[in-house]
Amino acid sequence: VGEGPGARAAEGRRVPKTTEQPLHLLFLCPYPPYPPRSGGALRMYHMLRQLSQRHDLCCLTFVPDKPAATALAPLQQICTVVTVPASPPRRLLNRAVSTLAQPLPDMALRSASPAYALALHRLLQQHHFDIIQAESIEMAGYALTLARSAQARPRLFLDQFNAEYVLQRRAALSDIARLARWQPLKAYARSAAGAIYSLIQWWKLAQYERSLLAHYDRVLVVSAEDRQALQRLAPQATLGIVPNGVDTDYFAPIPTTPTHPHNLSSPAASIFGPTSMPSAGLSSACCPSSSSTSPMPT
């Protein structure tokens, strides 16, 4: 899965299918795959684009608003698109209560929506699908009911953007280490609450991911490290690596002197901690004097 010259294929005509018998695939997406402006959207879009050359695809996705639904029009050139209005973000109080009272981790509840479940039910009633692929752990619960069913069902794939329990473990250890440093009382209370939350979510995510690995027919990961981390939870799971990447021939440096030599560009979502913090560190390493001599790298 990568970014390159084929990225504009969705804006042209549908790519002709090969002579092989196409499969019918249903993708469950937590947010629009198009325009591909963040890491998750890039991965989903390019996977759809590549698979559309050989198979018939349907994408069932949340959309935050009508403009986002309209912006999906180019994607309809390569697959059928069905949209569901996204639910409002869960309130902090609801998250706190569910952390203590709900066995599922926060990520499993983030995209829970009766409207989406109904749209999925209707699609399964009206169409035959050979494979249903949940994009990220957020969407895994929608297919989990099918996975536990004894009836004939499509094959179930899960595309794991991360080994989530590993990220939460790092957050928990970081929060605990912060408690060892002196802080004002109010800040210390926030750090303590964060540490408790992270520890609980770490345990919940490990249990939830172990359950998913046991029920899905195949799980896709982005790296050998993620595969190893998830294999520790479920040695019997079938895991395949579909790495992210960039076409460095297409995105070659421009042989000219840059107007703003301290500018950097990253497709990562700036609100996602595991990518925003390394991006900030890279900016500081590449442009150590940028904070005093020029605007912050972007």
Protein backbone atom coordinates (compact mmCIF):
# COMPACT_ATOMS: atom_id res chain seq x y z
CA VAL A 1 0.00 0.00 0.00
CA GLY A 2 1.61 3.26 -1.00
CA GLU A 3 1.38 6.72 -2.43
CA GLY A 4 2.47 7.22 -6.03
CA PRO A 5 1.46 8.02 -9.60
CA GLY A 6 -1.53 5.67 -9.47
CA ALA A 7 -3.08 7.82 -6.76
CA ARG A 8 -5.09 9.70 -9.36
CA ALA A 9 -6.60 6.55 -10.86
CA ALA A 10 -9.85 7.10 -8.99
CA GLU A 11 -10.33 10.35 -10.83
CA GLY A 12 -10.35 8.62 -14.20
CA ARG A 13 -12.41 5.77 -15.55
CA ARG A 14 -12.83 2.45 -13.76
CA VAL A 15 -9.77 0.25 -14.27
CA PRO A 16 -10.66 -2.80 -16.44
CA LYS A 17 -10.83 -6.11 -14.57
CA THR A 18 -8.53 -9.00 -15.40
CA THR A 19 -9.84 -12.24 -16.94
CA GLU A 20 -9.80 -13.97 -13.53
CA GLN A 21 -13.10 -14.55 -11.77
CA PRO A 22 -13.53 -11.46 -9.57
CA LEU A 23 -14.35 -11.71 -5.89
CA HIS A 24 -16.94 -9.53 -4.19
CA LEU A 25 -15.36 -7.63 -1.30
CA LEU A 26 -16.96 -5.41 1.33
CA PHE A 27 -14.77 -2.90 3.17
CA LEU A 28 -15.87 -1.49 6.54
CA CYS A 29 -14.21 1.91 6.96
CA PRO A 30 -14.16 4.14 10.08
CA TYR A 31 -13.79 7.35 8.02
CA PRO A 32 -13.66 8.29 4.32
CA PRO A 33 -10.78 6.69 2.38
CA TYR A 34 -10.90 9.63 -0.03
CA PRO A 35 -9.35 12.18 -0.22
CA PRO A 36 -6.32 10.25 1.11
CA ARG A 37 -4.97 12.89 3.48
CA SER A 38 -3.96 10.85 6.53
CA GLY A 39 -2.16 7.60 7.19
CA GLY A 40 -5.29 5.48 7.59
CA ALA A 41 -7.06 7.03 4.60
CA LEU A 42 -3.94 6.56 2.45
CA ARG A 43 -3.78 2.88 3.36
CA MET A 44 -7.49 2.23 2.77
CA TYR A 45 -7.61 4.15 -0.50
CA HIS A 46 -4.60 2.49 -2.10
CA MET A 47 -5.77 -0.95 -1.00
CA LEU A 48 -9.14 -0.26 -2.62
CA ARG A 49 -7.48 1.12 -5.74
CA GLN A 50 -5.22 -1.91 -6.19
CA LEU A 51 -7.92 -4.51 -5.48
CA SER A 52 -10.42 -2.78 -7.79
CA GLN A 53 -8.27 -3.81 -10.75
CA ARG A 54 -9.20 -7.47 -10.15
CA HIS A 55 -12.29 -7.57 -7.97
CA ASP A 56 -15.68 -5.93 -7.34
CA LEU A 57 -15.63 -3.75 -4.25
CA CYS A 58 -18.12 -2.07 -1.96
CA CYS A 59 -17.04 0.45 0.67
CA LEU A 60 -19.31 1.09 3.67
CA THR A 61 -17.90 4.14 5.40
CA PHE A 62 -18.73 6.73 8.02
CA VAL A 63 -18.74 10.36 6.84
CA PRO A 64 -18.58 13.34 9.22
CA ASP A 65 -20.75 15.64 7.08
CA LYS A 66 -22.29 16.21 3.64
CA PRO A 67 -19.15 17.83 2.11
CA ALA A 68 -17.17 14.73 3.06
CA ALA A 69 -19.80 12.53 1.41
CA THR A 70 -19.65 14.66 -1.75
CA ALA A 71 -15.84 14.47 -1.77
CA LEU A 72 -16.11 10.67 -2.11
CA ALA A 73 -17.41 10.99 -5.69
CA PRO A 74 -14.05 10.08 -7.33
CA LEU A 75 -13.92 6.89 -5.27
CA GLN A 76 -17.15 5.75 -6.92
CA GLN A 77 -15.15 5.30 -10.13
CA ILE A 78 -13.45 2.23 -8.63
CA CYS A 79 -16.01 0.86 -6.16
CA THR A 80 -19.54 1.13 -4.83
CA VAL A 81 -19.68 3.60 -1.93
CA VAL A 82 -22.31 3.51 0.82
CA THR A 83 -22.12 6.20 3.50
CA VAL A 84 -23.41 6.48 7.07
CA PRO A 85 -23.36 9.75 9.07
CA ALA A 86 -20.72 9.52 11.79
CA SER A 87 -21.85 9.61 15.41
CA PRO A 88 -20.63 12.51 17.56
CA PRO A 89 -17.41 11.82 19.51
CA ARG A 90 -17.94 10.09 22.85
CA ARG A 91 -17.90 12.41 25.83
CA LEU A 92 -15.07 12.21 28.32
CA LEU A 93 -17.49 11.21 31.10
CA ASN A 94 -18.88 8.34 29.00
CA ARG A 95 -15.35 7.14 28.28
CA ALA A 96 -14.47 7.28 31.99
CA VAL A 97 -17.56 5.27 32.95
CA SER A 98 -17.02 2.66 30.23
CA THR A 99 -13.36 2.31 31.26
CA LEU A 100 -14.52 1.09 34.68
CA ALA A 101 -17.78 -0.65 33.78
CA GLN A 102 -17.36 -1.94 30.20
CA PRO A 103 -15.18 -4.96 29.29
CA LEU A 104 -14.46 -3.61 25.82
CA PRO A 105 -11.64 -1.10 25.21
CA ASP A 106 -12.32 2.47 24.14
CA MET A 107 -11.33 1.75 20.54
CA ALA A 108 -13.95 -0.96 20.23
CA LEU A 109 -16.64 1.54 21.24
CA ARG A 110 -15.41 4.52 19.25
CA SER A 111 -17.34 3.69 16.05
CA ALA A 112 -20.31 1.84 17.55
CA SER A 113 -23.41 2.98 15.66
CA PRO A 114 -26.87 1.40 15.26
CA ALA A 115 -27.20 3.20 11.90
CA TYR A 116 -24.00 1.61 10.62
CA ALA A 117 -25.01 -1.83 11.89
CA LEU A 118 -28.34 -1.47 10.08
CA ALA A 119 -26.63 -0.41 6.83
CA LEU A 120 -24.32 -3.42 7.07
CA HIS A 121 -27.27 -5.75 7.71
CA ARG A 122 -29.06 -4.42 4.63
CA LEU A 123 -26.00 -4.86 2.44
CA LEU A 124 -25.59 -8.46 3.58
CA GLN A 125 -29.29 -9.11 2.90
CA GLN A 126 -29.13 -7.64 -0.61
CA HIS A 127 -25.69 -8.78 -1.84
CA HIS A 128 -23.32 -11.70 -1.70
CA PHE A 129 -19.79 -10.98 -0.52
CA ASP A 130 -16.86 -13.38 -0.59
CA ILE A 131 -14.80 -11.36 1.89
CA ILE A 132 -15.63 -8.70 4.47
CA GLN A 133 -12.63 -6.65 5.56
CA ALA A 134 -12.77 -4.46 8.67
CA GLU A 135 -10.43 -1.50 8.43
CA SER A 136 -8.81 -1.06 11.85
CA ILE A 137 -9.78 -2.37 15.26
CA GLU A 138 -12.51 0.29 15.46
CA MET A 139 -14.59 -1.59 12.89
CA ALA A 140 -13.75 -5.12 13.98
CA GLY A 141 -16.82 -5.52 16.17
CA TYR A 142 -19.21 -5.25 13.24
CA ALA A 143 -17.92 -8.47 11.70
CA LEU A 144 -17.25 -10.21 15.02
CA THR A 145 -20.91 -11.27 15.30
CA LEU A 146 -20.60 -12.99 11.93
CA ALA A 147 -17.31 -14.57 12.99
CA ARG A 148 -19.03 -16.19 15.99
CA SER A 149 -21.93 -17.46 13.89
CA ALA A 150 -22.12 -21.16 12.99
CA GLN A 151 -23.91 -20.33 9.73
CA ALA A 152 -22.21 -19.99 6.35
CA ARG A 153 -20.58 -16.58 6.13
CA PRO A 154 -18.05 -14.64 4.05
CA ARG A 155 -14.38 -14.90 4.94
CA LEU A 156 -13.49 -12.22 7.47
CA PHE A 157 -10.32 -10.13 7.20
CA LEU A 158 -9.07 -7.51 9.65
CA ASP A 159 -6.64 -4.79 8.59
CA GLN A 160 -4.75 -3.83 11.76
CA PHE A 161 -3.28 -0.33 11.38
CA ASN A 162 -1.28 -0.93 14.58
CA ALA A 163 -0.72 -3.50 17.29
CA GLU A 164 -2.88 -1.33 19.52
CA TYR A 165 -2.08 -2.94 22.84
CA VAL A 166 1.61 -2.18 22.25
CA LEU A 167 0.90 1.53 21.72
CA GLN A 168 -1.25 1.62 24.85
CA ARG A 169 1.46 -0.16 26.84
CA ARG A 170 3.95 2.52 25.81
CA ALA A 171 1.48 5.22 26.83
CA ALA A 172 0.93 3.52 30.21
CA LEU A 173 4.65 3.23 30.94
CA SER A 174 5.16 6.84 29.91
CA ASP A 175 2.33 7.98 32.21
CA ILE A 176 3.73 5.98 35.12
CA ALA A 177 7.22 7.43 34.59
CA ARG A 178 5.71 10.91 34.65
CA LEU A 179 4.37 10.24 38.15
CA ALA A 180 7.94 9.94 39.43
CA ARG A 181 8.64 13.58 38.52
CA TRP A 182 7.57 16.51 40.65
CA GLN A 183 4.37 18.21 39.45
CA PRO A 184 1.84 20.62 40.94
CA LEU A 185 -0.98 18.74 42.70
CA LYS A 186 -3.55 19.33 39.97
CA ALA A 187 -1.14 18.19 37.22
CA TYR A 188 -0.16 15.15 39.30
CA ALA A 189 -3.83 14.17 39.65
CA ARG A 190 -4.26 14.38 35.87
CA SER A 191 -1.13 12.27 35.35
CA ALA A 192 -2.37 9.69 37.85
CA ALA A 193 -5.76 9.50 36.12
CA GLY A 194 -4.02 9.12 32.76
CA ALA A 195 -1.82 6.32 34.10
CA ILE A 196 -4.83 4.43 35.50
CA TYR A 197 -6.73 4.87 32.21
CA SER A 198 -3.76 3.69 30.13
CA LEU A 199 -3.14 0.63 32.32
CA ILE A 200 -6.79 -0.44 32.08
CA GLN A 201 -6.93 0.16 28.32
CA TRP A 202 -3.65 -1.71 27.82
CA TRP A 203 -5.13 -4.81 29.48
CA LYS A 204 -8.47 -4.46 27.66
CA LEU A 205 -6.83 -4.02 24.26
CA ALA A 206 -4.66 -7.10 24.73
CA GLN A 207 -7.73 -9.18 25.61
CA TYR A 208 -9.78 -7.74 22.75
CA GLU A 209 -7.08 -8.16 20.13
CA ARG A 210 -6.55 -11.75 21.29
CA SER A 211 -10.27 -12.39 20.73
CA LEU A 212 -10.20 -10.80 17.29
CA LEU A 213 -7.19 -12.85 16.24
CA ALA A 214 -9.02 -16.02 17.25
CA HIS A 215 -12.15 -15.24 15.21
CA TYR A 216 -10.91 -13.56 12.03
CA ASP A 217 -9.82 -15.74 9.12
CA ARG A 218 -6.88 -13.48 8.31
CA VAL A 219 -5.35 -10.40 9.88
CA LEU A 220 -3.25 -7.91 7.91
CA VAL A 221 -0.50 -5.91 9.61
CA VAL A 222 1.87 -3.19 8.42
CA SER A 223 5.20 -4.59 9.67
CA ALA A 224 7.06 -7.64 10.93
CA GLU A 225 7.22 -6.01 14.37
CA ASP A 226 3.42 -5.73 14.54
CA ARG A 227 3.04 -9.32 13.35
CA GLN A 228 5.40 -10.52 16.08
CA ALA A 229 3.56 -8.49 18.74
CA LEU A 230 0.15 -9.86 17.73
CA GLN A 231 1.47 -13.40 17.31
CA ARG A 232 2.42 -13.32 20.99
CA LEU A 233 -1.27 -12.88 21.80
CA ALA A 234 -2.47 -15.65 19.49
CA PRO A 235 0.23 -17.97 18.07
CA GLN A 236 -2.37 -19.78 15.95
CA ALA A 237 -3.57 -16.62 14.13
CA THR A 238 -3.03 -16.21 10.39
CA LEU A 239 -1.18 -12.91 9.93
CA GLY A 240 -0.01 -11.34 6.68
CA ILE A 241 2.13 -8.25 6.16
CA VAL A 242 0.84 -5.52 3.82
CA PRO A 243 3.40 -2.74 4.38
CA ASN A 244 2.88 0.96 3.88
CA GLY A 245 5.29 2.72 1.54
CA VAL A 246 6.12 5.64 -0.71
CA ASP A 247 7.07 5.58 -4.40
CA THR A 248 10.42 7.36 -4.11
CA ASP A 249 10.83 7.52 -7.90
CA TYR A 250 7.60 9.48 -8.19
CA PHE A 251 8.29 11.60 -5.12
CA ALA A 252 11.87 12.45 -6.07
CA PRO A 253 13.47 15.67 -4.75
CA ILE A 254 13.00 18.69 -7.02
CA PRO A 255 16.43 19.71 -8.38
CA THR A 256 16.02 23.34 -7.39
CA THR A 257 16.86 25.44 -4.36
CA PRO A 258 13.82 25.37 -2.05
CA THR A 259 12.18 28.68 -1.25
CA HIS A 260 11.71 27.63 2.38
CA PRO A 261 14.60 25.27 3.23
CA HIS A 262 13.24 24.47 6.71
CA ASN A 263 9.84 23.20 5.57
CA LEU A 264 9.05 19.51 5.98
CA SER A 265 5.96 17.64 4.82
CA SER A 266 4.36 14.61 6.46
CA PRO A 267 1.14 12.74 5.50
CA ALA A 268 0.68 11.63 9.12
CA ALA A 269 -2.29 12.93 11.08
CA SER A 270 -0.98 15.59 13.47
CA ILE A 271 -3.57 14.70 16.13
CA PHE A 272 -2.33 11.09 16.44
CA GLY A 273 0.29 10.92 19.19
CA PRO A 274 2.37 7.98 17.88
CA THR A 275 2.98 9.88 14.62
CA SER A 276 2.89 13.51 15.75
CA MET A 277 5.58 13.08 18.41
CA PRO A 278 8.13 11.36 16.09
CA SER A 279 7.36 14.00 13.43
CA ALA A 280 8.15 16.75 15.93
CA GLY A 281 11.39 14.99 16.86
CA LEU A 282 12.35 14.62 13.20
CA SER A 283 11.66 18.31 12.62
CA SER A 284 13.92 19.27 15.50
CA ALA A 285 16.68 16.94 14.29
CA CYS A 286 16.54 18.14 10.66
CA CYS A 287 15.97 21.82 11.43
CA PRO A 288 17.45 22.48 14.89
CA SER A 289 17.44 26.24 14.40
CA SER A 290 14.00 26.47 12.81
CA SER A 291 12.29 27.62 15.99
CA SER A 292 14.41 30.75 16.17
CA THR A 293 15.18 31.52 12.53
CA SER A 294 12.05 30.54 10.62
CA PRO A 295 8.45 29.36 11.05
CA MET A 296 7.90 25.90 12.51
CA PRO A 297 8.32 23.04 9.99
CA THR A 298 5.04 21.74 8.57
